[in-house]
């Protein structure tokens, strides 16, 4: 229900947050060697999420960073201690505007 410029900005932040989460999930899948909800003999496994506040060109937002049990996961989309993601958010929004799904965007950036 978009009626103001602020509504558009909030919608873009939601889109950006969801896409970044999807990308980080794909990174975690690659790190662990198996997808979410898939059985594995790996002794390292998913261990919830950690909230992180980052700044984008659309304002400040919270994202959820997946964690692994051994704390060896090093995300590349939003690196540890990185607080500004304005360099990647414009790329994500432009790919979305071209009709790409969040999964396609994730695969492209990966």
PDB file of N, CA and C in Angstrom:
ATOM      1  N   UNK A   1       0.846  -1.180   0.000  1.00  0.00           N
ATOM      2  CA  UNK A   1       0.000   0.000   0.000  1.00  0.00           C
ATOM      3  C   UNK A   1       0.888   1.239   0.000  1.00  0.00           C
ATOM      4  N   UNK A   2       1.482   1.558  -1.148  1.00  0.00           N
ATOM      5  CA  UNK A   2       2.434   2.656  -1.270  1.00  0.00           C
ATOM      6  C   UNK A   2       1.706   3.940  -1.651  1.00  0.00           C
ATOM      7  N   UNK A   3       1.880   4.961  -0.801  1.00  0.00           N
ATOM      8  CA  UNK A   3       1.223   6.240  -1.062  1.00  0.00           C
ATOM      9  C   UNK A   3       2.185   7.411  -0.978  1.00  0.00           C
ATOM     10  N   UNK A   4       3.292   7.253  -0.254  1.00  0.00           N
ATOM     11  CA  UNK A   4       4.237   8.355  -0.101  1.00  0.00           C
ATOM     12  C   UNK A   4       5.641   7.892  -0.474  1.00  0.00           C
ATOM     13  N   UNK A   5       6.542   8.840  -0.573  1.00  0.00           N
ATOM     14  CA  UNK A   5       7.942   8.519  -0.862  1.00  0.00           C
ATOM     15  C   UNK A   5       8.544   7.676   0.263  1.00  0.00           C
ATOM     16  N   UNK A   6       8.102   7.928   1.476  1.00  0.00           N
ATOM     17  CA  UNK A   6       8.588   7.149   2.616  1.00  0.00           C
ATOM     18  C   UNK A   6       8.143   5.684   2.506  1.00  0.00           C
ATOM     19  N   UNK A   7       6.935   5.467   2.003  1.00  0.00           N
ATOM     20  CA  UNK A   7       6.447   4.102   1.786  1.00  0.00           C
ATOM     21  C   UNK A   7       7.305   3.374   0.752  1.00  0.00           C
ATOM     22  N   UNK A   8       7.710   4.100  -0.289  1.00  0.00           N
ATOM     23  CA  UNK A   8       8.577   3.508  -1.317  1.00  0.00           C
ATOM     24  C   UNK A   8       9.918   3.150  -0.712  1.00  0.00           C
ATOM     25  N   UNK A   9      10.463   4.037   0.105  1.00  0.00           N
ATOM     26  CA  UNK A   9      11.756   3.785   0.741  1.00  0.00           C
ATOM     27  C   UNK A   9      11.666   2.574   1.673  1.00  0.00           C
ATOM     28  N   UNK A  10      10.593   2.449   2.430  1.00  0.00           N
ATOM     29  CA  UNK A  10      10.408   1.301   3.317  1.00  0.00           C
ATOM     30  C   UNK A  10      10.285   0.005   2.517  1.00  0.00           C
ATOM     31  N   UNK A  11       9.574   0.059   1.394  1.00  0.00           N
ATOM     32  CA  UNK A  11       9.426  -1.123   0.543  1.00  0.00           C
ATOM     33  C   UNK A  11      10.776  -1.540  -0.035  1.00  0.00           C
ATOM     34  N   UNK A  12      11.586  -0.573  -0.433  1.00  0.00           N
ATOM     35  CA  UNK A  12      12.917  -0.889  -0.955  1.00  0.00           C
ATOM     36  C   UNK A  12      13.811  -1.476   0.129  1.00  0.00           C
ATOM     37  N   UNK A  13      13.700  -0.965   1.352  1.00  0.00           N
ATOM     38  CA  UNK A  13      14.481  -1.530   2.460  1.00  0.00           C
ATOM     39  C   UNK A  13      14.061  -2.965   2.737  1.00  0.00           C
ATOM     40  N   UNK A  14      12.749  -3.243   2.695  1.00  0.00           N
ATOM     41  CA  UNK A  14      12.266  -4.613   2.900  1.00  0.00           C
ATOM     42  C   UNK A  14      12.794  -5.543   1.819  1.00  0.00           C
ATOM     43  N   UNK A  15      12.734  -5.093   0.572  1.00  0.00           N
ATOM     44  CA  UNK A  15      13.239  -5.881  -0.545  1.00  0.00           C
ATOM     45  C   UNK A  15      14.729  -6.143  -0.387  1.00  0.00           C
ATOM     46  N   UNK A  16      15.464  -5.106  -0.057  1.00  0.00           N
ATOM     47  CA  UNK A  16      16.906  -5.210   0.112  1.00  0.00           C
ATOM     48  C   UNK A  16      17.253  -6.168   1.255  1.00  0.00           C
ATOM     49  N   UNK A  17      16.556  -6.038   2.380  1.00  0.00           N
ATOM     50  CA  UNK A  17      16.812  -6.911   3.524  1.00  0.00           C
ATOM     51  C   UNK A  17      16.534  -8.368   3.195  1.00  0.00           C
ATOM     52  N   UNK A  18      15.436  -8.637   2.503  1.00  0.00           N
ATOM     53  CA  UNK A  18      15.102 -10.005   2.126  1.00  0.00           C
ATOM     54  C   UNK A  18      16.101 -10.602   1.160  1.00  0.00           C
ATOM     55  N   UNK A  19      16.558  -9.793   0.215  1.00  0.00           N
ATOM     56  CA  UNK A  19      17.536 -10.267  -0.763  1.00  0.00           C
ATOM     57  C   UNK A  19      18.874 -10.555  -0.100  1.00  0.00           C
ATOM     58  N   UNK A  20      19.301  -9.673   0.788  1.00  0.00           N
ATOM     59  CA  UNK A  20      20.570  -9.895   1.489  1.00  0.00           C
ATOM     60  C   UNK A  20      20.490 -11.161   2.341  1.00  0.00           C
ATOM     61  N   UNK A  21      19.361 -11.372   3.007  1.00  0.00           N
ATOM     62  CA  UNK A  21      19.201 -12.587   3.804  1.00  0.00           C
ATOM     63  C   UNK A  21      19.294 -13.829   2.921  1.00  0.00           C
ATOM     64  N   UNK A  22      18.631 -13.801   1.774  1.00  0.00           N
ATOM     65  CA  UNK A  22      18.673 -14.927   0.826  1.00  0.00           C
ATOM     66  C   UNK A  22      20.108 -15.188   0.363  1.00  0.00           C
ATOM     67  N   UNK A  23      20.843 -14.120   0.095  1.00  0.00           N
ATOM     68  CA  UNK A  23      22.223 -14.258  -0.351  1.00  0.00           C
ATOM     69  C   UNK A  23      23.101 -14.846   0.748  1.00  0.00           C
ATOM     70  N   UNK A  24      22.888 -14.409   1.974  1.00  0.00           N
ATOM     71  CA  UNK A  24      23.682 -14.932   3.083  1.00  0.00           C
ATOM     72  C   UNK A  24      23.342 -16.394   3.363  1.00  0.00           C
ATOM     73  N   UNK A  25      22.073 -16.767   3.174  1.00  0.00           N
ATOM     74  CA  UNK A  25      21.680 -18.173   3.328  1.00  0.00           C
ATOM     75  C   UNK A  25      22.404 -19.033   2.286  1.00  0.00           C
ATOM     76  N   UNK A  26      22.500 -18.517   1.050  1.00  0.00           N
ATOM     77  CA  UNK A  26      23.214 -19.252  -0.002  1.00  0.00           C
ATOM     78  C   UNK A  26      24.693 -19.386   0.349  1.00  0.00           C
ATOM     79  N   UNK A  27      25.272 -18.339   0.926  1.00  0.00           N
ATOM     80  CA  UNK A  27      26.666 -18.413   1.373  1.00  0.00           C
ATOM     81  C   UNK A  27      26.833 -19.465   2.466  1.00  0.00           C
ATOM     82  N   UNK A  28      25.876 -19.518   3.399  1.00  0.00           N
ATOM     83  CA  UNK A  28      25.941 -20.508   4.479  1.00  0.00           C
ATOM     84  C   UNK A  28      25.822 -21.920   3.909  1.00  0.00           C
ATOM     85  N   UNK A  29      24.915 -22.116   2.931  1.00  0.00           N
ATOM     86  CA  UNK A  29      24.793 -23.423   2.277  1.00  0.00           C
ATOM     87  C   UNK A  29      26.132 -23.850   1.694  1.00  0.00           C
ATOM     88  N   UNK A  30      26.798 -22.921   1.016  1.00  0.00           N
ATOM     89  CA  UNK A  30      28.095 -23.210   0.412  1.00  0.00           C
ATOM     90  C   UNK A  30      29.140 -23.505   1.476  1.00  0.00           C
ATOM     91  N   UNK A  31      29.126 -22.749   2.556  1.00  0.00           N
ATOM     92  CA  UNK A  31      30.091 -22.930   3.650  1.00  0.00           C
ATOM     93  C   UNK A  31      29.948 -24.300   4.304  1.00  0.00           C
ATOM     94  N   UNK A  32      28.709 -24.696   4.579  1.00  0.00           N
ATOM     95  CA  UNK A  32      28.466 -25.962   5.266  1.00  0.00           C
ATOM     96  C   UNK A  32      28.471 -27.164   4.325  1.00  0.00           C
ATOM     97  N   UNK A  33      28.200 -26.922   3.054  1.00  0.00           N
ATOM     98  CA  UNK A  33      28.186 -28.015   2.088  1.00  0.00           C
ATOM     99  C   UNK A  33      26.845 -28.705   1.949  1.00  0.00           C
ATOM    100  N   UNK A  34      25.814 -28.153   2.553  1.00  0.00           N
ATOM    101  CA  UNK A  34      24.460 -28.704   2.413  1.00  0.00           C
ATOM    102  C   UNK A  34      23.456 -27.586   2.611  1.00  0.00           C
ATOM    103  N   UNK A  35      22.248 -27.795   2.067  1.00  0.00           N
ATOM    104  CA  UNK A  35      21.211 -26.779   2.153  1.00  0.00           C
ATOM    105  C   UNK A  35      20.439 -26.883   3.455  1.00  0.00           C
ATOM    106  N   UNK A  36      19.730 -25.814   3.780  1.00  0.00           N
ATOM    107  CA  UNK A  36      18.905 -25.772   4.985  1.00  0.00           C
ATOM    108  C   UNK A  36      17.889 -26.910   4.940  1.00  0.00           C
ATOM    109  N   UNK A  37      17.638 -27.539   6.055  1.00  0.00           N
ATOM    110  CA  UNK A  37      16.698 -28.656   6.222  1.00  0.00           C
ATOM    111  C   UNK A  37      17.176 -29.949   5.561  1.00  0.00           C
ATOM    112  N   UNK A  38      18.392 -29.979   5.095  1.00  0.00           N
ATOM    113  CA  UNK A  38      18.950 -31.187   4.487  1.00  0.00           C
ATOM    114  C   UNK A  38      19.803 -31.899   5.535  1.00  0.00           C
ATOM    115  N   UNK A  39      19.726 -33.207   5.586  1.00  0.00           N
ATOM    116  CA  UNK A  39      20.530 -33.975   6.539  1.00  0.00           C
ATOM    117  C   UNK A  39      21.984 -34.031   6.078  1.00  0.00           C
ATOM    118  N   UNK A  40      22.889 -34.033   7.071  1.00  0.00           N
ATOM    119  CA  UNK A  40      24.309 -34.086   6.750  1.00  0.00           C
ATOM    120  C   UNK A  40      25.073 -34.702   7.920  1.00  0.00           C
ATOM    121  N   UNK A  41      26.212 -35.268   7.607  1.00  0.00           N
ATOM    122  CA  UNK A  41      27.093 -35.813   8.637  1.00  0.00           C
ATOM    123  C   UNK A  41      28.116 -34.779   9.107  1.00  0.00           C
ATOM    124  N   UNK A  42      28.022 -33.592   8.570  1.00  0.00           N
ATOM    125  CA  UNK A  42      28.915 -32.506   8.934  1.00  0.00           C
ATOM    126  C   UNK A  42      28.748 -32.181  10.418  1.00  0.00           C
ATOM    127  N   UNK A  43      29.869 -31.986  11.129  1.00  0.00           N
ATOM    128  CA  UNK A  43      29.781 -31.676  12.564  1.00  0.00           C
ATOM    129  C   UNK A  43      29.568 -30.182  12.827  1.00  0.00           C
ATOM    130  N   UNK A  44      29.587 -29.366  11.778  1.00  0.00           N
ATOM    131  CA  UNK A  44      29.254 -27.954  11.902  1.00  0.00           C
ATOM    132  C   UNK A  44      27.867 -27.761  11.305  1.00  0.00           C
ATOM    133  N   UNK A  45      27.029 -27.015  11.963  1.00  0.00           N
ATOM    134  CA  UNK A  45      25.659 -26.850  11.491  1.00  0.00           C
ATOM    135  C   UNK A  45      25.140 -25.467  11.841  1.00  0.00           C
ATOM    136  N   UNK A  46      24.000 -25.137  11.278  1.00  0.00           N
ATOM    137  CA  UNK A  46      23.398 -23.820  11.500  1.00  0.00           C
ATOM    138  C   UNK A  46      23.074 -23.621  12.979  1.00  0.00           C
ATOM    139  N   UNK A  47      23.203 -22.367  13.409  1.00  0.00           N
ATOM    140  CA  UNK A  47      22.963 -22.060  14.811  1.00  0.00           C
ATOM    141  C   UNK A  47      22.248 -20.714  14.950  1.00  0.00           C
ATOM    142  N   UNK A  48      21.140 -20.566  14.233  1.00  0.00           N
ATOM    143  CA  UNK A  48      20.332 -19.368  14.372  1.00  0.00           C
ATOM    144  C   UNK A  48      20.879 -18.175  13.610  1.00  0.00           C
ATOM    145  N   UNK A  49      20.469 -16.998  14.071  1.00  0.00           N
ATOM    146  CA  UNK A  49      20.812 -15.747  13.404  1.00  0.00           C
ATOM    147  C   UNK A  49      21.263 -14.722  14.428  1.00  0.00           C
ATOM    148  N   UNK A  50      22.024 -13.764  13.942  1.00  0.00           N
ATOM    149  CA  UNK A  50      22.439 -12.631  14.755  1.00  0.00           C
ATOM    150  C   UNK A  50      21.965 -11.372  14.049  1.00  0.00           C
ATOM    151  N   UNK A  51      21.294 -10.498  14.773  1.00  0.00           N
ATOM    152  CA  UNK A  51      20.825  -9.246  14.187  1.00  0.00           C
ATOM    153  C   UNK A  51      21.994  -8.272  14.062  1.00  0.00           C
ATOM    154  N   UNK A  52      21.968  -7.532  12.955  1.00  0.00           N
ATOM    155  CA  UNK A  52      23.029  -6.567  12.691  1.00  0.00           C
ATOM    156  C   UNK A  52      22.396  -5.331  12.063  1.00  0.00           C
ATOM    157  N   UNK A  53      22.756  -4.157  12.542  1.00  0.00           N
ATOM    158  CA  UNK A  53      22.245  -2.900  11.987  1.00  0.00           C
ATOM    159  C   UNK A  53      23.279  -2.375  10.996  1.00  0.00           C
ATOM    160  N   UNK A  54      22.805  -2.115   9.756  1.00  0.00           N
ATOM    161  CA  UNK A  54      23.673  -1.591   8.709  1.00  0.00           C
ATOM    162  C   UNK A  54      23.024  -0.353   8.096  1.00  0.00           C
ATOM    163  N   UNK A  55      23.845   0.442   7.445  1.00  0.00           N
ATOM    164  CA  UNK A  55      23.370   1.645   6.763  1.00  0.00           C
ATOM    165  C   UNK A  55      23.419   1.409   5.264  1.00  0.00           C
ATOM    166  N   UNK A  56      22.335   1.788   4.600  1.00  0.00           N
ATOM    167  CA  UNK A  56      22.276   1.707   3.142  1.00  0.00           C
ATOM    168  C   UNK A  56      21.891   3.079   2.622  1.00  0.00           C
ATOM    169  N   UNK A  57      21.811   3.189   1.327  1.00  0.00           N
ATOM    170  CA  UNK A  57      21.408   4.485   0.771  1.00  0.00           C
ATOM    171  C   UNK A  57      19.922   4.749   1.018  1.00  0.00           C
ATOM    172  N   UNK A  58      19.193   3.751   1.543  1.00  0.00           N
ATOM    173  CA  UNK A  58      17.773   3.911   1.881  1.00  0.00           C
ATOM    174  C   UNK A  58      17.558   4.107   3.380  1.00  0.00           C
ATOM    175  N   UNK A  59      18.639   4.256   4.120  1.00  0.00           N
ATOM    176  CA  UNK A  59      18.540   4.478   5.554  1.00  0.00           C
ATOM    177  C   UNK A  59      19.076   3.289   6.338  1.00  0.00           C
ATOM    178  N   UNK A  60      18.975   3.375   7.632  1.00  0.00           N
ATOM    179  CA  UNK A  60      19.446   2.324   8.521  1.00  0.00           C
ATOM    180  C   UNK A  60      18.442   1.176   8.541  1.00  0.00           C
ATOM    181  N   UNK A  61      18.959  -0.065   8.593  1.00  0.00           N
ATOM    182  CA  UNK A  61      18.089  -1.227   8.621  1.00  0.00           C
ATOM    183  C   UNK A  61      18.752  -2.363   9.377  1.00  0.00           C
ATOM    184  N   UNK A  62      17.933  -3.289   9.845  1.00  0.00           N
ATOM    185  CA  UNK A  62      18.443  -4.467  10.536  1.00  0.00           C
ATOM    186  C   UNK A  62      18.390  -5.657   9.609  1.00  0.00           C
ATOM    187  N   UNK A  63      19.467  -6.440   9.606  1.00  0.00           N
ATOM    188  CA  UNK A  63      19.492  -7.674   8.845  1.00  0.00           C
ATOM    189  C   UNK A  63      19.798  -8.817   9.806  1.00  0.00           C
ATOM    190  N   UNK A  64      19.482 -10.026   9.391  1.00  0.00           N
ATOM    191  CA  UNK A  64      19.782 -11.213  10.189  1.00  0.00           C
ATOM    192  C   UNK A  64      20.891 -11.982   9.502  1.00  0.00           C
ATOM    193  N   UNK A  65      21.995 -12.156  10.218  1.00  0.00           N
ATOM    194  CA  UNK A  65      23.155 -12.865   9.691  1.00  0.00           C
ATOM    195  C   UNK A  65      23.124 -14.296  10.219  1.00  0.00           C
ATOM    196  N   UNK A  66      23.126 -15.299   9.319  1.00  0.00           N
ATOM    197  CA  UNK A  66      23.121 -16.682   9.796  1.00  0.00           C
ATOM    198  C   UNK A  66      24.423 -17.014  10.525  1.00  0.00           C
ATOM    199  N   UNK A  67      24.306 -17.863  11.527  1.00  0.00           N
ATOM    200  CA  UNK A  67      25.455 -18.273  12.329  1.00  0.00           C
ATOM    201  C   UNK A  67      25.645 -19.785  12.202  1.00  0.00           C
ATOM    202  N   UNK A  68      26.883 -20.224  12.361  1.00  0.00           N
ATOM    203  CA  UNK A  68      27.134 -21.661  12.421  1.00  0.00           C
ATOM    204  C   UNK A  68      27.695 -22.002  13.796  1.00  0.00           C
ATOM    205  N   UNK A  69      27.584 -23.251  14.148  1.00  0.00           N
ATOM    206  CA  UNK A  69      27.941 -23.707  15.494  1.00  0.00           C
ATOM    207  C   UNK A  69      29.396 -23.438  15.841  1.00  0.00           C
ATOM    208  N   UNK A  70      30.291 -23.602  14.868  1.00  0.00           N
ATOM    209  CA  UNK A  70      31.723 -23.428  15.131  1.00  0.00           C
ATOM    210  C   UNK A  70      32.199 -21.987  14.940  1.00  0.00           C
ATOM    211  N   UNK A  71      31.303 -21.101  14.558  1.00  0.00           N
ATOM    212  CA  UNK A  71      31.629 -19.686  14.314  1.00  0.00           C
ATOM    213  C   UNK A  71      32.730 -19.508  13.273  1.00  0.00           C
ATOM    214  N   UNK A  72      32.721 -20.341  12.233  1.00  0.00           N
ATOM    215  CA  UNK A  72      33.714 -20.230  11.171  1.00  0.00           C
ATOM    216  C   UNK A  72      33.153 -19.572   9.924  1.00  0.00           C
ATOM    217  N   UNK A  73      31.858 -19.265   9.915  1.00  0.00           N
ATOM    218  CA  UNK A  73      31.224 -18.649   8.747  1.00  0.00           C
ATOM    219  C   UNK A  73      31.661 -17.200   8.617  1.00  0.00           C
ATOM    220  N   UNK A  74      32.231 -16.868   7.463  1.00  0.00           N
ATOM    221  CA  UNK A  74      32.670 -15.509   7.163  1.00  0.00           C
ATOM    222  C   UNK A  74      31.857 -14.987   5.986  1.00  0.00           C
ATOM    223  N   UNK A  75      30.744 -14.280   6.225  1.00  0.00           N
ATOM    224  CA  UNK A  75      29.910 -13.800   5.118  1.00  0.00           C
ATOM    225  C   UNK A  75      30.677 -12.826   4.226  1.00  0.00           C
ATOM    226  N   UNK A  76      30.397 -12.889   2.927  1.00  0.00           N
ATOM    227  CA  UNK A  76      31.059 -12.012   1.971  1.00  0.00           C
ATOM    228  C   UNK A  76      30.156 -10.872   1.502  1.00  0.00           C
ATOM    229  N   UNK A  77      28.843 -11.092   1.503  1.00  0.00           N
ATOM    230  CA  UNK A  77      27.914 -10.046   1.055  1.00  0.00           C
ATOM    231  C   UNK A  77      27.986  -8.860   2.001  1.00  0.00           C
ATOM    232  N   UNK A  78      27.825  -9.137   3.284  1.00  0.00           N
ATOM    233  CA  UNK A  78      27.984  -8.129   4.337  1.00  0.00           C
ATOM    234  C   UNK A  78      29.002  -8.706   5.302  1.00  0.00           C
ATOM    235  N   UNK A  79      30.228  -8.251   5.160  1.00  0.00           N
ATOM    236  CA  UNK A  79      31.324  -8.808   5.955  1.00  0.00           C
ATOM    237  C   UNK A  79      31.171  -8.474   7.438  1.00  0.00           C
ATOM    238  N   UNK A  80      31.861  -9.229   8.258  1.00  0.00           N
ATOM    239  CA  UNK A  80      31.873  -8.935   9.690  1.00  0.00           C
ATOM    240  C   UNK A  80      32.417  -7.527   9.899  1.00  0.00           C
ATOM    241  N   UNK A  81      31.818  -6.807  10.809  1.00  0.00           N
ATOM    242  CA  UNK A  81      32.168  -5.433  11.177  1.00  0.00           C
ATOM    243  C   UNK A  81      31.883  -4.418  10.071  1.00  0.00           C
ATOM    244  N   UNK A  82      31.263  -4.820   8.968  1.00  0.00           N
ATOM    245  CA  UNK A  82      30.875  -3.879   7.914  1.00  0.00           C
ATOM    246  C   UNK A  82      29.550  -3.228   8.304  1.00  0.00           C
ATOM    247  N   UNK A  83      29.490  -1.926   8.284  1.00  0.00           N
ATOM    248  CA  UNK A  83      28.289  -1.199   8.694  1.00  0.00           C
ATOM    249  C   UNK A  83      27.593  -0.486   7.544  1.00  0.00           C
ATOM    250  N   UNK A  84      28.282  -0.314   6.419  1.00  0.00           N
ATOM    251  CA  UNK A  84      27.707   0.415   5.288  1.00  0.00           C
ATOM    252  C   UNK A  84      27.601  -0.514   4.082  1.00  0.00           C
ATOM    253  N   UNK A  85      26.375  -0.674   3.567  1.00  0.00           N
ATOM    254  CA  UNK A  85      26.159  -1.555   2.414  1.00  0.00           C
ATOM    255  C   UNK A  85      25.656  -0.779   1.205  1.00  0.00           C
ATOM    256  N   UNK A  86      25.861   0.522   1.190  1.00  0.00           N
ATOM    257  CA  UNK A  86      25.312   1.343   0.105  1.00  0.00           C
ATOM    258  C   UNK A  86      25.931   1.014  -1.245  1.00  0.00           C
ATOM    259  N   UNK A  87      27.105   0.379  -1.268  1.00  0.00           N
ATOM    260  CA  UNK A  87      27.707   0.018  -2.550  1.00  0.00           C
ATOM    261  C   UNK A  87      26.972  -1.142  -3.220  1.00  0.00           C
ATOM    262  N   UNK A  88      26.420  -2.048  -2.440  1.00  0.00           N
ATOM    263  CA  UNK A  88      25.736  -3.206  -3.012  1.00  0.00           C
ATOM    264  C   UNK A  88      24.238  -2.987  -3.177  1.00  0.00           C
ATOM    265  N   UNK A  89      23.637  -2.122  -2.389  1.00  0.00           N
ATOM    266  CA  UNK A  89      22.179  -1.986  -2.445  1.00  0.00           C
ATOM    267  C   UNK A  89      21.681  -1.460  -3.786  1.00  0.00           C
ATOM    268  N   UNK A  90      22.419  -0.562  -4.411  1.00  0.00           N
ATOM    269  CA  UNK A  90      22.004  -0.046  -5.718  1.00  0.00           C
ATOM    270  C   UNK A  90      22.054  -1.133  -6.789  1.00  0.00           C
ATOM    271  N   UNK A  91      23.047  -2.009  -6.704  1.00  0.00           N
ATOM    272  CA  UNK A  91      23.155  -3.112  -7.660  1.00  0.00           C
ATOM    273  C   UNK A  91      21.981  -4.074  -7.504  1.00  0.00           C
ATOM    274  N   UNK A  92      21.627  -4.381  -6.269  1.00  0.00           N
ATOM    275  CA  UNK A  92      20.518  -5.299  -6.004  1.00  0.00           C
ATOM    276  C   UNK A  92      19.204  -4.708  -6.517  1.00  0.00           C
ATOM    277  N   UNK A  93      18.953  -3.442  -6.220  1.00  0.00           N
ATOM    278  CA  UNK A  93      17.709  -2.801  -6.643  1.00  0.00           C
ATOM    279  C   UNK A  93      17.632  -2.746  -8.172  1.00  0.00           C
ATOM    280  N   UNK A  94      18.739  -2.456  -8.846  1.00  0.00           N
ATOM    281  CA  UNK A  94      18.694  -2.386 -10.312  1.00  0.00           C
ATOM    282  C   UNK A  94      18.441  -3.762 -10.921  1.00  0.00           C
ATOM    283  N   UNK A  95      19.012  -4.824 -10.350  1.00  0.00           N
ATOM    284  CA  UNK A  95      18.745  -6.174 -10.857  1.00  0.00           C
ATOM    285  C   UNK A  95      17.286  -6.556 -10.623  1.00  0.00           C
ATOM    286  N   UNK A  96      16.752  -6.177  -9.469  1.00  0.00           N
ATOM    287  CA  UNK A  96      15.350  -6.467  -9.175  1.00  0.00           C
ATOM    288  C   UNK A  96      14.435  -5.721 -10.146  1.00  0.00           C
ATOM    289  N   UNK A  97      14.798  -4.483 -10.453  1.00  0.00           N
ATOM    290  CA  UNK A  97      14.002  -3.677 -11.380  1.00  0.00           C
ATOM    291  C   UNK A  97      14.012  -4.269 -12.793  1.00  0.00           C
ATOM    292  N   UNK A  98      15.066  -5.004 -13.123  1.00  0.00           N
ATOM    293  CA  UNK A  98      15.155  -5.654 -14.437  1.00  0.00           C
ATOM    294  C   UNK A  98      14.380  -6.961 -14.491  1.00  0.00           C
ATOM    295  N   UNK A  99      13.735  -7.320 -13.370  1.00  0.00           N
ATOM    296  CA  UNK A  99      12.887  -8.506 -13.375  1.00  0.00           C
ATOM    297  C   UNK A  99      13.509  -9.755 -12.777  1.00  0.00           C
ATOM    298  N   UNK A 100      14.688  -9.651 -12.194  1.00  0.00           N
ATOM    299  CA  UNK A 100      15.330 -10.822 -11.597  1.00  0.00           C
ATOM    300  C   UNK A 100      14.682 -11.142 -10.253  1.00  0.00           C
ATOM    301  N   UNK A 101      14.594 -12.426  -9.926  1.00  0.00           N
ATOM    302  CA  UNK A 101      14.086 -12.836  -8.620  1.00  0.00           C
ATOM    303  C   UNK A 101      15.205 -12.704  -7.598  1.00  0.00           C
ATOM    304  N   UNK A 102      14.844 -12.787  -6.316  1.00  0.00           N
ATOM    305  CA  UNK A 102      15.878 -12.687  -5.279  1.00  0.00           C
ATOM    306  C   UNK A 102      16.863 -13.854  -5.388  1.00  0.00           C
ATOM    307  N   UNK A 103      16.386 -15.025  -5.766  1.00  0.00           N
ATOM    308  CA  UNK A 103      17.293 -16.174  -5.932  1.00  0.00           C
ATOM    309  C   UNK A 103      18.257 -15.940  -7.094  1.00  0.00           C
ATOM    310  N   UNK A 104      17.757 -15.389  -8.204  1.00  0.00           N
ATOM    311  CA  UNK A 104      18.637 -15.082  -9.349  1.00  0.00           C
ATOM    312  C   UNK A 104      19.656 -14.024  -8.988  1.00  0.00           C
ATOM    313  N   UNK A 105      19.242 -13.035  -8.232  1.00  0.00           N
ATOM    314  CA  UNK A 105      20.176 -11.982  -7.786  1.00  0.00           C
ATOM    315  C   UNK A 105      21.246 -12.603  -6.905  1.00  0.00           C
ATOM    316  N   UNK A 106      20.828 -13.467  -5.991  1.00  0.00           N
ATOM    317  CA  UNK A 106      21.767 -14.141  -5.096  1.00  0.00           C
ATOM    318  C   UNK A 106      22.791 -14.948  -5.888  1.00  0.00           C
ATOM    319  N   UNK A 107      22.311 -15.709  -6.876  1.00  0.00           N
ATOM    320  CA  UNK A 107      23.218 -16.508  -7.703  1.00  0.00           C
ATOM    321  C   UNK A 107      24.156 -15.636  -8.523  1.00  0.00           C
ATOM    322  N   UNK A 108      23.670 -14.513  -9.016  1.00  0.00           N
ATOM    323  CA  UNK A 108      24.496 -13.601  -9.812  1.00  0.00           C
ATOM    324  C   UNK A 108      25.619 -13.021  -8.971  1.00  0.00           C
ATOM    325  N   UNK A 109      25.298 -12.556  -7.776  1.00  0.00           N
ATOM    326  CA  UNK A 109      26.306 -11.942  -6.925  1.00  0.00           C
ATOM    327  C   UNK A 109      27.271 -12.989  -6.387  1.00  0.00           C
ATOM    328  N   UNK A 110      26.752 -14.189  -6.140  1.00  0.00           N
ATOM    329  CA  UNK A 110      27.619 -15.280  -5.657  1.00  0.00           C
ATOM    330  C   UNK A 110      28.662 -15.597  -6.708  1.00  0.00           C
TER     331      UNK A 110
END
